[in-house]
Amino acid sequence: MKNSRTLSLTLVAVFAAMTAIGAFIKIPLPVVPFTLQIIVVYLAGSLLGSKRGLQSQLVYVLVGLAGLPVFTQGGGIMYVLQPTFGYLIGFVVGAYVIGFIIERVEQPTRKHFIVANLIGTAVIYAIGVPYLYLALNLWLDVPTNLSHVLAVGLLNTVGVDIALAIFTSLIATRIYPFLKTIHSTKRGTQNELANISSGSH
């Protein structure tokens, strides 16, 4: 049990770090830059499951809010006022949703991963775009109409994100059985040790 928990927490930390790295692999675009972070979100949900996937992204966000410059434009608690902060919230929720969907399938196939990642994409944008609109128009006092927000916050990047969702699903399809085997083997070993221990009393 302890070894399995250690592996899970290690993976959470690794995926949080990968999300931070993805923030610096970016293409500058107006208002909302394109980054490779979303690939990590897809993989976190697909491979770690709902709980650990959420935790990996939450750790990343909390580390950034604590002051480490792991976001695309720095860090610190005031980053919540950035117009793109809604997408970071979307990463947390999106990873959970992706994991939740995959967990409901006994033997997930490529199709399941694609559907889960596309739904995760929709969740990220469903949180990110309204937050972007509110941030610009309310606390940043940059009057912006909805059509412009949709252009810079959705249309500029959603096509690439859909392609990445499909591409990442192919990767997840390959890796998922391996991680599942590791967890199953560890659980089996732990059960055997527990049986031996109980039988010795």
N, C-alpha and C. Protein backbone atom coordinates (compact mmCIF):
# COMPACT_ATOMS: atom_id res chain seq x y z
N MET A 1 0.83 -1.20 0.00
CA MET A 1 0.00 0.00 0.00
C MET A 1 0.86 1.26 0.00
N LYS A 2 1.92 1.24 0.86
CA LYS A 2 2.80 2.39 0.96
C LYS A 2 3.54 2.64 -0.35
N ASN A 3 4.03 1.56 -0.99
CA ASN A 3 4.75 1.71 -2.26
C ASN A 3 3.85 2.25 -3.36
N SER A 4 2.61 1.76 -3.39
CA SER A 4 1.65 2.22 -4.40
C SER A 4 1.33 3.70 -4.21
N ARG A 5 1.18 4.10 -2.95
CA ARG A 5 0.89 5.51 -2.66
C ARG A 5 2.08 6.38 -3.03
N THR A 6 3.28 5.88 -2.75
CA THR A 6 4.49 6.63 -3.09
C THR A 6 4.60 6.84 -4.59
N LEU A 7 4.31 5.78 -5.36
CA LEU A 7 4.34 5.89 -6.82
C LEU A 7 3.32 6.91 -7.31
N SER A 8 2.11 6.85 -6.76
CA SER A 8 1.05 7.77 -7.17
C SER A 8 1.42 9.22 -6.89
N LEU A 9 1.96 9.47 -5.70
CA LEU A 9 2.34 10.83 -5.33
C LEU A 9 3.52 11.32 -6.17
N THR A 10 4.42 10.40 -6.51
CA THR A 10 5.54 10.75 -7.38
C THR A 10 5.04 11.17 -8.75
N LEU A 11 4.08 10.42 -9.27
CA LEU A 11 3.50 10.76 -10.58
C LEU A 11 2.78 12.09 -10.53
N VAL A 12 2.10 12.38 -9.42
CA VAL A 12 1.44 13.67 -9.25
C VAL A 12 2.47 14.80 -9.36
N ALA A 13 3.58 14.64 -8.65
CA ALA A 13 4.64 15.66 -8.67
C ALA A 13 5.25 15.79 -10.06
N VAL A 14 5.46 14.66 -10.73
CA VAL A 14 6.05 14.68 -12.08
C VAL A 14 5.14 15.41 -13.05
N PHE A 15 3.85 15.12 -12.99
CA PHE A 15 2.92 15.77 -13.93
C PHE A 15 2.74 17.25 -13.60
N ALA A 16 2.82 17.62 -12.32
CA ALA A 16 2.77 19.04 -11.96
C ALA A 16 3.98 19.76 -12.54
N ALA A 17 5.15 19.12 -12.44
CA ALA A 17 6.37 19.72 -12.99
C ALA A 17 6.30 19.82 -14.51
N MET A 18 5.74 18.79 -15.15
CA MET A 18 5.60 18.81 -16.61
C MET A 18 4.66 19.93 -17.06
N THR A 19 3.61 20.19 -16.29
CA THR A 19 2.70 21.28 -16.63
C THR A 19 3.44 22.62 -16.55
N ALA A 20 4.29 22.75 -15.53
CA ALA A 20 5.09 23.98 -15.39
C ALA A 20 6.02 24.15 -16.58
N ILE A 21 6.66 23.07 -16.99
CA ILE A 21 7.57 23.13 -18.15
C ILE A 21 6.79 23.50 -19.41
N GLY A 22 5.60 22.92 -19.55
CA GLY A 22 4.76 23.21 -20.72
C GLY A 22 4.38 24.67 -20.84
N ALA A 23 4.36 25.39 -19.69
CA ALA A 23 4.01 26.81 -19.72
C ALA A 23 5.03 27.64 -20.48
N PHE A 24 6.27 27.14 -20.54
CA PHE A 24 7.33 27.91 -21.17
C PHE A 24 7.59 27.48 -22.61
N ILE A 25 6.84 26.49 -23.06
CA ILE A 25 6.89 26.10 -24.47
C ILE A 25 5.64 26.68 -25.11
N LYS A 26 5.75 27.87 -25.59
CA LYS A 26 4.55 28.61 -26.00
C LYS A 26 4.75 29.37 -27.29
N ILE A 27 3.61 29.68 -27.89
CA ILE A 27 3.55 30.54 -29.07
C ILE A 27 2.78 31.79 -28.65
N PRO A 28 3.42 32.95 -28.62
CA PRO A 28 2.71 34.17 -28.20
C PRO A 28 1.56 34.50 -29.15
N LEU A 29 0.38 34.64 -28.58
CA LEU A 29 -0.80 35.05 -29.32
C LEU A 29 -1.47 36.18 -28.54
N PRO A 30 -2.31 36.98 -29.19
CA PRO A 30 -2.98 38.06 -28.48
C PRO A 30 -3.80 37.53 -27.29
N VAL A 31 -3.57 38.08 -26.11
CA VAL A 31 -4.30 37.80 -24.87
C VAL A 31 -4.03 36.40 -24.32
N VAL A 32 -4.32 35.35 -25.12
CA VAL A 32 -4.18 33.97 -24.65
C VAL A 32 -3.09 33.26 -25.45
N PRO A 33 -1.91 33.07 -24.86
CA PRO A 33 -0.83 32.39 -25.59
C PRO A 33 -1.13 30.91 -25.73
N PHE A 34 -0.59 30.29 -26.76
CA PHE A 34 -0.73 28.84 -26.92
C PHE A 34 0.46 28.16 -26.26
N THR A 35 0.18 27.17 -25.40
CA THR A 35 1.25 26.41 -24.73
C THR A 35 0.99 24.91 -24.91
N LEU A 36 1.98 24.13 -24.50
CA LEU A 36 1.85 22.67 -24.55
C LEU A 36 1.34 22.08 -23.23
N GLN A 37 0.89 22.94 -22.33
CA GLN A 37 0.39 22.47 -21.04
C GLN A 37 -0.78 21.51 -21.19
N ILE A 38 -1.61 21.76 -22.17
CA ILE A 38 -2.83 20.97 -22.29
C ILE A 38 -2.52 19.50 -22.58
N ILE A 39 -1.38 19.22 -23.21
CA ILE A 39 -0.98 17.83 -23.43
C ILE A 39 -0.80 17.12 -22.09
N VAL A 40 -0.18 17.82 -21.13
CA VAL A 40 0.03 17.24 -19.81
C VAL A 40 -1.30 17.02 -19.09
N VAL A 41 -2.22 17.96 -19.26
CA VAL A 41 -3.55 17.82 -18.65
C VAL A 41 -4.24 16.57 -19.19
N TYR A 42 -4.19 16.38 -20.50
CA TYR A 42 -4.79 15.19 -21.11
C TYR A 42 -4.18 13.91 -20.54
N LEU A 43 -2.86 13.88 -20.46
CA LEU A 43 -2.17 12.69 -19.98
C LEU A 43 -2.42 12.47 -18.49
N ALA A 44 -2.47 13.55 -17.72
CA ALA A 44 -2.71 13.43 -16.28
C ALA A 44 -4.07 12.79 -16.01
N GLY A 45 -5.08 13.28 -16.68
CA GLY A 45 -6.41 12.70 -16.49
C GLY A 45 -6.49 11.28 -17.00
N SER A 46 -5.90 11.03 -18.16
CA SER A 46 -5.99 9.71 -18.79
C SER A 46 -5.23 8.65 -18.02
N LEU A 47 -4.04 9.00 -17.50
CA LEU A 47 -3.15 8.00 -16.91
C LEU A 47 -3.20 7.95 -15.38
N LEU A 48 -3.47 9.08 -14.75
CA LEU A 48 -3.47 9.11 -13.28
C LEU A 48 -4.85 8.92 -12.68
N GLY A 49 -5.89 9.13 -13.49
CA GLY A 49 -7.24 9.02 -12.96
C GLY A 49 -7.75 10.36 -12.45
N SER A 50 -9.00 10.36 -12.00
CA SER A 50 -9.65 11.61 -11.62
C SER A 50 -8.99 12.27 -10.41
N LYS A 51 -8.75 11.49 -9.34
CA LYS A 51 -8.19 12.05 -8.11
C LYS A 51 -6.76 12.55 -8.30
N ARG A 52 -5.89 11.68 -8.79
CA ARG A 52 -4.48 12.07 -8.94
C ARG A 52 -4.29 13.07 -10.07
N GLY A 53 -5.09 12.95 -11.12
CA GLY A 53 -5.02 13.92 -12.21
C GLY A 53 -5.36 15.31 -11.73
N LEU A 54 -6.45 15.41 -10.96
CA LEU A 54 -6.82 16.69 -10.37
C LEU A 54 -5.71 17.20 -9.46
N GLN A 55 -5.17 16.32 -8.62
CA GLN A 55 -4.13 16.73 -7.68
C GLN A 55 -2.90 17.28 -8.39
N SER A 56 -2.52 16.66 -9.49
CA SER A 56 -1.33 17.11 -10.21
C SER A 56 -1.49 18.54 -10.71
N GLN A 57 -2.67 18.86 -11.22
CA GLN A 57 -2.91 20.20 -11.72
C GLN A 57 -3.14 21.20 -10.60
N LEU A 58 -3.76 20.74 -9.52
CA LEU A 58 -3.97 21.62 -8.37
C LEU A 58 -2.64 21.98 -7.72
N VAL A 59 -1.73 21.01 -7.61
CA VAL A 59 -0.39 21.29 -7.08
C VAL A 59 0.30 22.35 -7.92
N TYR A 60 0.21 22.19 -9.24
CA TYR A 60 0.83 23.17 -10.15
C TYR A 60 0.27 24.57 -9.90
N VAL A 61 -1.05 24.69 -9.82
CA VAL A 61 -1.69 26.00 -9.63
C VAL A 61 -1.32 26.59 -8.27
N LEU A 62 -1.35 25.77 -7.23
CA LEU A 62 -1.04 26.27 -5.89
C LEU A 62 0.42 26.71 -5.76
N VAL A 63 1.32 25.97 -6.40
CA VAL A 63 2.74 26.35 -6.39
C VAL A 63 2.91 27.72 -7.07
N GLY A 64 2.22 27.91 -8.18
CA GLY A 64 2.28 29.19 -8.88
C GLY A 64 1.70 30.33 -8.06
N LEU A 65 0.56 30.08 -7.41
CA LEU A 65 -0.07 31.11 -6.58
C LEU A 65 0.78 31.42 -5.35
N ALA A 66 1.58 30.44 -4.93
CA ALA A 66 2.46 30.65 -3.77
C ALA A 66 3.63 31.58 -4.11
N GLY A 67 3.85 31.81 -5.40
CA GLY A 67 4.88 32.77 -5.80
C GLY A 67 5.92 32.28 -6.76
N LEU A 68 6.02 30.96 -6.96
CA LEU A 68 7.00 30.47 -7.93
C LEU A 68 6.55 30.83 -9.34
N PRO A 69 7.45 31.29 -10.20
CA PRO A 69 7.08 31.75 -11.54
C PRO A 69 6.88 30.59 -12.53
N VAL A 70 5.85 29.78 -12.27
CA VAL A 70 5.62 28.60 -13.11
C VAL A 70 4.50 28.82 -14.14
N PHE A 71 3.84 29.98 -14.06
CA PHE A 71 2.81 30.30 -15.04
C PHE A 71 3.46 30.97 -16.25
N THR A 72 2.69 31.13 -17.31
CA THR A 72 3.26 31.72 -18.53
C THR A 72 3.73 33.15 -18.32
N GLN A 73 3.15 33.83 -17.32
CA GLN A 73 3.54 35.22 -17.07
C GLN A 73 3.93 35.44 -15.61
N GLY A 74 4.59 34.45 -15.03
CA GLY A 74 5.08 34.63 -13.66
C GLY A 74 4.34 33.79 -12.65
N GLY A 75 4.01 34.39 -11.51
CA GLY A 75 3.34 33.67 -10.43
C GLY A 75 2.89 34.64 -9.36
N GLY A 76 2.38 34.11 -8.26
CA GLY A 76 1.91 34.96 -7.17
C GLY A 76 0.40 34.95 -7.06
N ILE A 77 -0.11 35.28 -5.88
CA ILE A 77 -1.54 35.22 -5.62
C ILE A 77 -2.35 36.15 -6.52
N MET A 78 -1.75 37.25 -6.94
CA MET A 78 -2.46 38.20 -7.79
C MET A 78 -2.67 37.68 -9.21
N TYR A 79 -2.09 36.53 -9.49
CA TYR A 79 -2.27 35.94 -10.82
C TYR A 79 -3.73 35.57 -11.08
N VAL A 80 -4.51 35.48 -10.00
CA VAL A 80 -5.94 35.18 -10.18
C VAL A 80 -6.64 36.28 -10.97
N LEU A 81 -6.02 37.45 -11.03
CA LEU A 81 -6.60 38.56 -11.79
C LEU A 81 -6.23 38.52 -13.27
N GLN A 82 -5.30 37.65 -13.62
CA GLN A 82 -4.92 37.52 -15.03
C GLN A 82 -6.11 36.97 -15.83
N PRO A 83 -6.33 37.47 -17.04
CA PRO A 83 -7.48 37.01 -17.83
C PRO A 83 -7.41 35.53 -18.20
N THR A 84 -6.20 34.96 -18.17
CA THR A 84 -6.07 33.54 -18.55
C THR A 84 -6.13 32.59 -17.36
N PHE A 85 -6.33 33.11 -16.16
CA PHE A 85 -6.34 32.23 -14.99
C PHE A 85 -7.48 31.20 -15.04
N GLY A 86 -8.55 31.54 -15.72
CA GLY A 86 -9.67 30.61 -15.84
C GLY A 86 -9.28 29.31 -16.52
N TYR A 87 -8.33 29.39 -17.44
CA TYR A 87 -7.86 28.18 -18.12
C TYR A 87 -7.11 27.27 -17.14
N LEU A 88 -6.41 27.87 -16.17
CA LEU A 88 -5.72 27.08 -15.16
C LEU A 88 -6.71 26.35 -14.26
N ILE A 89 -7.80 27.04 -13.93
CA ILE A 89 -8.88 26.37 -13.19
C ILE A 89 -9.44 25.23 -14.05
N GLY A 90 -9.56 25.52 -15.34
CA GLY A 90 -10.05 24.50 -16.28
C GLY A 90 -9.14 23.29 -16.34
N PHE A 91 -7.83 23.49 -16.21
CA PHE A 91 -6.90 22.36 -16.20
C PHE A 91 -7.22 21.41 -15.04
N VAL A 92 -7.48 21.98 -13.87
CA VAL A 92 -7.77 21.17 -12.69
C VAL A 92 -9.05 20.37 -12.89
N VAL A 93 -10.09 21.06 -13.30
CA VAL A 93 -11.40 20.39 -13.49
C VAL A 93 -11.34 19.45 -14.69
N GLY A 94 -10.68 19.88 -15.76
CA GLY A 94 -10.60 19.05 -16.97
C GLY A 94 -9.89 17.75 -16.72
N ALA A 95 -8.78 17.78 -15.98
CA ALA A 95 -8.05 16.55 -15.66
C ALA A 95 -8.93 15.59 -14.87
N TYR A 96 -9.70 16.16 -13.94
CA TYR A 96 -10.62 15.32 -13.15
C TYR A 96 -11.67 14.66 -14.03
N VAL A 97 -12.26 15.45 -14.90
CA VAL A 97 -13.33 14.93 -15.77
C VAL A 97 -12.80 13.83 -16.70
N ILE A 98 -11.63 14.05 -17.28
CA ILE A 98 -11.02 13.05 -18.16
C ILE A 98 -10.80 11.75 -17.39
N GLY A 99 -10.21 11.86 -16.20
CA GLY A 99 -9.97 10.67 -15.39
C GLY A 99 -11.25 9.98 -14.99
N PHE A 100 -12.26 10.76 -14.65
CA PHE A 100 -13.56 10.21 -14.24
C PHE A 100 -14.17 9.37 -15.36
N ILE A 101 -14.08 9.88 -16.59
CA ILE A 101 -14.64 9.15 -17.73
C ILE A 101 -13.88 7.84 -17.96
N ILE A 102 -12.55 7.90 -17.96
CA ILE A 102 -11.74 6.72 -18.21
C ILE A 102 -11.95 5.67 -17.12
N GLU A 103 -12.13 6.11 -15.89
CA GLU A 103 -12.34 5.18 -14.77
C GLU A 103 -13.65 4.41 -14.90
N ARG A 104 -14.55 4.92 -15.69
CA ARG A 104 -15.84 4.24 -15.85
C ARG A 104 -15.80 3.16 -16.92
N VAL A 105 -14.64 3.00 -17.55
CA VAL A 105 -14.49 2.00 -18.63
C VAL A 105 -13.53 0.91 -18.17
N GLU A 106 -13.95 -0.34 -18.27
CA GLU A 106 -13.11 -1.46 -17.80
C GLU A 106 -11.82 -1.58 -18.60
N GLN A 107 -11.94 -1.55 -19.91
CA GLN A 107 -10.78 -1.65 -20.79
C GLN A 107 -10.83 -0.50 -21.80
N PRO A 108 -10.37 0.69 -21.41
CA PRO A 108 -10.47 1.84 -22.31
C PRO A 108 -9.66 1.66 -23.59
N THR A 109 -10.27 2.05 -24.69
CA THR A 109 -9.62 1.97 -26.00
C THR A 109 -9.28 3.38 -26.47
N ARG A 110 -8.67 3.45 -27.64
CA ARG A 110 -8.32 4.75 -28.22
C ARG A 110 -9.55 5.65 -28.30
N LYS A 111 -10.67 5.08 -28.68
CA LYS A 111 -11.90 5.86 -28.81
C LYS A 111 -12.30 6.49 -27.48
N HIS A 112 -12.19 5.73 -26.40
CA HIS A 112 -12.56 6.24 -25.08
C HIS A 112 -11.65 7.39 -24.67
N PHE A 113 -10.35 7.25 -24.94
CA PHE A 113 -9.42 8.33 -24.58
C PHE A 113 -9.71 9.58 -25.40
N ILE A 114 -10.01 9.41 -26.68
CA ILE A 114 -10.31 10.56 -27.53
C ILE A 114 -11.55 11.29 -27.03
N VAL A 115 -12.60 10.54 -26.74
CA VAL A 115 -13.85 11.14 -26.25
C VAL A 115 -13.61 11.86 -24.92
N ALA A 116 -12.88 11.20 -24.02
CA ALA A 116 -12.61 11.80 -22.71
C ALA A 116 -11.80 13.09 -22.85
N ASN A 117 -10.79 13.08 -23.70
CA ASN A 117 -9.95 14.26 -23.88
C ASN A 117 -10.69 15.40 -24.57
N LEU A 118 -11.56 15.06 -25.50
CA LEU A 118 -12.35 16.10 -26.16
C LEU A 118 -13.34 16.73 -25.18
N ILE A 119 -13.93 15.91 -24.33
CA ILE A 119 -14.82 16.45 -23.30
C ILE A 119 -14.02 17.31 -22.32
N GLY A 120 -12.82 16.85 -21.98
CA GLY A 120 -11.95 17.64 -21.12
C GLY A 120 -11.61 18.99 -21.74
N THR A 121 -11.38 18.98 -23.05
CA THR A 121 -11.11 20.24 -23.78
C THR A 121 -12.30 21.19 -23.64
N ALA A 122 -13.50 20.65 -23.82
CA ALA A 122 -14.72 21.46 -23.72
C ALA A 122 -14.85 22.06 -22.32
N VAL A 123 -14.51 21.27 -21.31
CA VAL A 123 -14.58 21.76 -19.92
C VAL A 123 -13.60 22.91 -19.70
N ILE A 124 -12.39 22.75 -20.19
CA ILE A 124 -11.36 23.79 -20.02
C ILE A 124 -11.82 25.10 -20.65
N TYR A 125 -12.34 25.02 -21.86
CA TYR A 125 -12.80 26.24 -22.54
C TYR A 125 -14.07 26.79 -21.90
N ALA A 126 -14.93 25.90 -21.39
CA ALA A 126 -16.17 26.35 -20.76
C ALA A 126 -15.90 27.17 -19.50
N ILE A 127 -14.75 26.93 -18.88
CA ILE A 127 -14.35 27.71 -17.71
C ILE A 127 -13.46 28.89 -18.13
N GLY A 128 -12.53 28.64 -19.03
CA GLY A 128 -11.56 29.65 -19.42
C GLY A 128 -12.14 30.84 -20.16
N VAL A 129 -13.04 30.59 -21.10
CA VAL A 129 -13.58 31.68 -21.93
C VAL A 129 -14.45 32.64 -21.11
N PRO A 130 -15.41 32.17 -20.32
CA PRO A 130 -16.18 33.12 -19.50
C PRO A 130 -15.30 33.90 -18.52
N TYR A 131 -14.30 33.24 -17.94
CA TYR A 131 -13.39 33.92 -17.02
C TYR A 131 -12.63 35.03 -17.75
N LEU A 132 -12.20 34.73 -18.97
CA LEU A 132 -11.51 35.72 -19.80
C LEU A 132 -12.40 36.93 -20.04
N TYR A 133 -13.64 36.69 -20.37
CA TYR A 133 -14.59 37.77 -20.64
C TYR A 133 -14.80 38.63 -19.40
N LEU A 134 -15.01 37.97 -18.26
CA LEU A 134 -15.25 38.70 -17.01
C LEU A 134 -14.02 39.49 -16.59
N ALA A 135 -12.85 38.87 -16.72
CA ALA A 135 -11.61 39.55 -16.32
C ALA A 135 -11.38 40.82 -17.12
N LEU A 136 -11.56 40.72 -18.43
CA LEU A 136 -11.32 41.88 -19.29
C LEU A 136 -12.32 42.99 -19.03
N ASN A 137 -13.57 42.63 -18.83
CA ASN A 137 -14.62 43.63 -18.74
C ASN A 137 -14.88 44.15 -17.32
N LEU A 138 -14.54 43.36 -16.32
CA LEU A 138 -14.82 43.79 -14.96
C LEU A 138 -13.59 44.36 -14.26
N TRP A 139 -12.68 43.49 -13.80
CA TRP A 139 -11.58 44.01 -12.98
C TRP A 139 -10.41 44.59 -13.76
N LEU A 140 -10.24 44.23 -15.04
CA LEU A 140 -9.16 44.83 -15.82
C LEU A 140 -9.62 46.07 -16.59
N ASP A 141 -10.93 46.27 -16.61
CA ASP A 141 -11.52 47.45 -17.25
C ASP A 141 -11.05 47.64 -18.68
N VAL A 142 -11.11 46.50 -19.43
CA VAL A 142 -10.79 46.54 -20.86
C VAL A 142 -12.05 46.09 -21.60
N PRO A 143 -12.95 47.04 -21.90
CA PRO A 143 -14.21 46.67 -22.54
C PRO A 143 -13.99 45.84 -23.81
N THR A 144 -14.52 44.63 -23.80
CA THR A 144 -14.31 43.70 -24.91
C THR A 144 -15.60 42.96 -25.18
N ASN A 145 -16.01 42.93 -26.45
CA ASN A 145 -17.26 42.23 -26.75
C ASN A 145 -17.03 40.72 -26.82
N LEU A 146 -18.12 39.98 -26.75
CA LEU A 146 -18.06 38.53 -26.67
C LEU A 146 -17.42 37.92 -27.92
N SER A 147 -17.69 38.50 -29.07
CA SER A 147 -17.14 37.93 -30.31
C SER A 147 -15.61 38.00 -30.32
N HIS A 148 -15.06 39.09 -29.78
CA HIS A 148 -13.60 39.20 -29.72
C HIS A 148 -13.02 38.20 -28.72
N VAL A 149 -13.70 38.04 -27.59
CA VAL A 149 -13.25 37.08 -26.58
C VAL A 149 -13.27 35.66 -27.16
N LEU A 150 -14.31 35.34 -27.89
CA LEU A 150 -14.39 34.01 -28.51
C LEU A 150 -13.28 33.83 -29.55
N ALA A 151 -12.94 34.90 -30.23
CA ALA A 151 -11.88 34.81 -31.25
C ALA A 151 -10.52 34.54 -30.62
N VAL A 152 -10.17 35.32 -29.57
CA VAL A 152 -8.84 35.17 -28.97
C VAL A 152 -8.77 34.05 -27.94
N GLY A 153 -9.93 33.74 -27.32
CA GLY A 153 -9.92 32.76 -26.24
C GLY A 153 -10.37 31.37 -26.63
N LEU A 154 -10.90 31.24 -27.86
CA LEU A 154 -11.40 29.93 -28.30
C LEU A 154 -10.92 29.58 -29.70
N LEU A 155 -11.29 30.40 -30.66
CA LEU A 155 -11.04 30.06 -32.06
C LEU A 155 -9.56 30.01 -32.42
N ASN A 156 -8.76 30.84 -31.75
CA ASN A 156 -7.32 30.86 -32.06
C ASN A 156 -6.60 29.55 -31.76
N THR A 157 -7.10 28.83 -30.76
CA THR A 157 -6.36 27.65 -30.28
C THR A 157 -7.13 26.35 -30.25
N VAL A 158 -8.45 26.40 -30.34
CA VAL A 158 -9.23 25.18 -30.12
C VAL A 158 -8.95 24.10 -31.17
N GLY A 159 -8.68 24.51 -32.40
CA GLY A 159 -8.39 23.53 -33.45
C GLY A 159 -7.13 22.73 -33.15
N VAL A 160 -6.10 23.43 -32.71
CA VAL A 160 -4.84 22.75 -32.35
C VAL A 160 -5.05 21.88 -31.13
N ASP A 161 -5.82 22.36 -30.17
CA ASP A 161 -6.06 21.59 -28.95
C ASP A 161 -6.83 20.30 -29.25
N ILE A 162 -7.75 20.35 -30.18
CA ILE A 162 -8.48 19.14 -30.58
C ILE A 162 -7.52 18.15 -31.22
N ALA A 163 -6.64 18.65 -32.06
CA ALA A 163 -5.63 17.77 -32.69
C ALA A 163 -4.72 17.15 -31.63
N LEU A 164 -4.33 17.96 -30.65
CA LEU A 164 -3.48 17.46 -29.56
C LEU A 164 -4.22 16.45 -28.69
N ALA A 165 -5.53 16.66 -28.53
CA ALA A 165 -6.33 15.71 -27.75
C ALA A 165 -6.32 14.34 -28.41
N ILE A 166 -6.44 14.33 -29.73
CA ILE A 166 -6.43 13.06 -30.46
C ILE A 166 -5.04 12.44 -30.43
N PHE A 167 -4.02 13.26 -30.65
CA PHE A 167 -2.64 12.76 -30.63
C PHE A 167 -2.28 12.19 -29.25
N THR A 168 -2.65 12.92 -28.20
CA THR A 168 -2.34 12.47 -26.84
C THR A 168 -3.09 11.19 -26.49
N SER A 169 -4.26 11.03 -27.05
CA SER A 169 -5.03 9.81 -26.82
C SER A 169 -4.30 8.58 -27.35
N LEU A 170 -3.59 8.75 -28.46
CA LEU A 170 -2.81 7.64 -29.01
C LEU A 170 -1.68 7.26 -28.06
N ILE A 171 -1.06 8.28 -27.45
CA ILE A 171 0.01 8.01 -26.48
C ILE A 171 -0.56 7.32 -25.24
N ALA A 172 -1.68 7.85 -24.74
CA ALA A 172 -2.30 7.30 -23.54
C ALA A 172 -2.71 5.85 -23.75
N THR A 173 -3.18 5.54 -24.95
CA THR A 173 -3.59 4.16 -25.25
C THR A 173 -2.43 3.19 -25.08
N ARG A 174 -1.23 3.64 -25.39
CA ARG A 174 -0.03 2.80 -25.27
C ARG A 174 0.45 2.69 -23.83
N ILE A 175 0.41 3.80 -23.09
CA ILE A 175 0.99 3.84 -21.76
C ILE A 175 0.04 3.29 -20.69
N TYR A 176 -1.25 3.51 -20.86
CA TYR A 176 -2.23 3.14 -19.83
C TYR A 176 -2.13 1.68 -19.38
N PRO A 177 -2.05 0.72 -20.30
CA PRO A 177 -1.97 -0.68 -19.86
C PRO A 177 -0.73 -0.95 -19.00
N PHE A 178 0.36 -0.27 -19.30
CA PHE A 178 1.59 -0.46 -18.54
C PHE A 178 1.43 0.03 -17.10
N LEU A 179 0.85 1.24 -16.93
CA LEU A 179 0.63 1.76 -15.59
C LEU A 179 -0.38 0.92 -14.83
N LYS A 180 -1.40 0.45 -15.53
CA LYS A 180 -2.41 -0.39 -14.89
C LYS A 180 -1.80 -1.69 -14.41
N THR A 181 -0.87 -2.25 -15.19
CA THR A 181 -0.19 -3.48 -14.80
C THR A 181 0.65 -3.27 -13.56
N ILE A 182 1.34 -2.14 -13.48
CA ILE A 182 2.16 -1.83 -12.30
C ILE A 182 1.29 -1.77 -11.05
N HIS A 183 0.16 -1.04 -11.15
CA HIS A 183 -0.72 -0.91 -9.99
C HIS A 183 -1.31 -2.26 -9.60
N SER A 184 -1.70 -3.05 -10.60
CA SER A 184 -2.30 -4.36 -10.33
C SER A 184 -1.29 -5.29 -9.66
N THR A 185 -0.05 -5.26 -10.16
CA THR A 185 1.01 -6.11 -9.59
C THR A 185 1.28 -5.73 -8.14
N LYS A 186 1.34 -4.43 -7.87
CA LYS A 186 1.60 -3.98 -6.51
C LYS A 186 0.45 -4.37 -5.59
N ARG A 187 -0.80 -4.23 -6.07
CA ARG A 187 -1.94 -4.61 -5.24
C ARG A 187 -1.94 -6.10 -4.96
N GLY A 188 -1.58 -6.89 -6.01
CA GLY A 188 -1.54 -8.33 -5.83
C GLY A 188 -0.49 -8.74 -4.82
N THR A 189 0.68 -8.13 -4.89
CA THR A 189 1.77 -8.42 -3.94
C THR A 189 1.36 -8.03 -2.53
N GLN A 190 0.72 -6.89 -2.40
CA GLN A 190 0.29 -6.44 -1.08
C GLN A 190 -0.75 -7.38 -0.49
N ASN A 191 -1.66 -7.88 -1.33
CA ASN A 191 -2.67 -8.81 -0.84
C ASN A 191 -2.04 -10.12 -0.38
N GLU A 192 -1.04 -10.59 -1.15
CA GLU A 192 -0.35 -11.82 -0.78
C GLU A 192 0.37 -11.66 0.56
N LEU A 193 1.04 -10.53 0.74
CA LEU A 193 1.75 -10.28 2.00
C LEU A 193 0.77 -10.18 3.16
N ALA A 194 -0.38 -9.57 2.89
CA ALA A 194 -1.40 -9.45 3.95
C ALA A 194 -1.92 -10.82 4.34
N ASN A 195 -2.12 -11.70 3.33
CA ASN A 195 -2.62 -13.05 3.61
C ASN A 195 -1.60 -13.86 4.40
N ILE A 196 -0.32 -13.71 4.02
CA ILE A 196 0.75 -14.43 4.74
C ILE A 196 0.83 -13.96 6.19
N SER A 197 0.72 -12.62 6.32
CA SER A 197 0.80 -12.04 7.67
C SER A 197 -0.35 -12.50 8.54
N SER A 198 -1.57 -12.51 7.99
CA SER A 198 -2.73 -12.93 8.77
C SER A 198 -2.70 -14.42 9.07
N GLY A 199 -2.10 -15.20 8.16
CA GLY A 199 -2.03 -16.64 8.36
C GLY A 199 -1.02 -17.04 9.39
N SER A 200 -0.07 -16.13 9.65
CA SER A 200 0.98 -16.46 10.61
C SER A 200 0.56 -16.23 12.04
N HIS A 201 -0.60 -15.60 12.25
CA HIS A 201 -1.06 -15.30 13.62
C HIS A 201 -1.92 -16.43 14.15
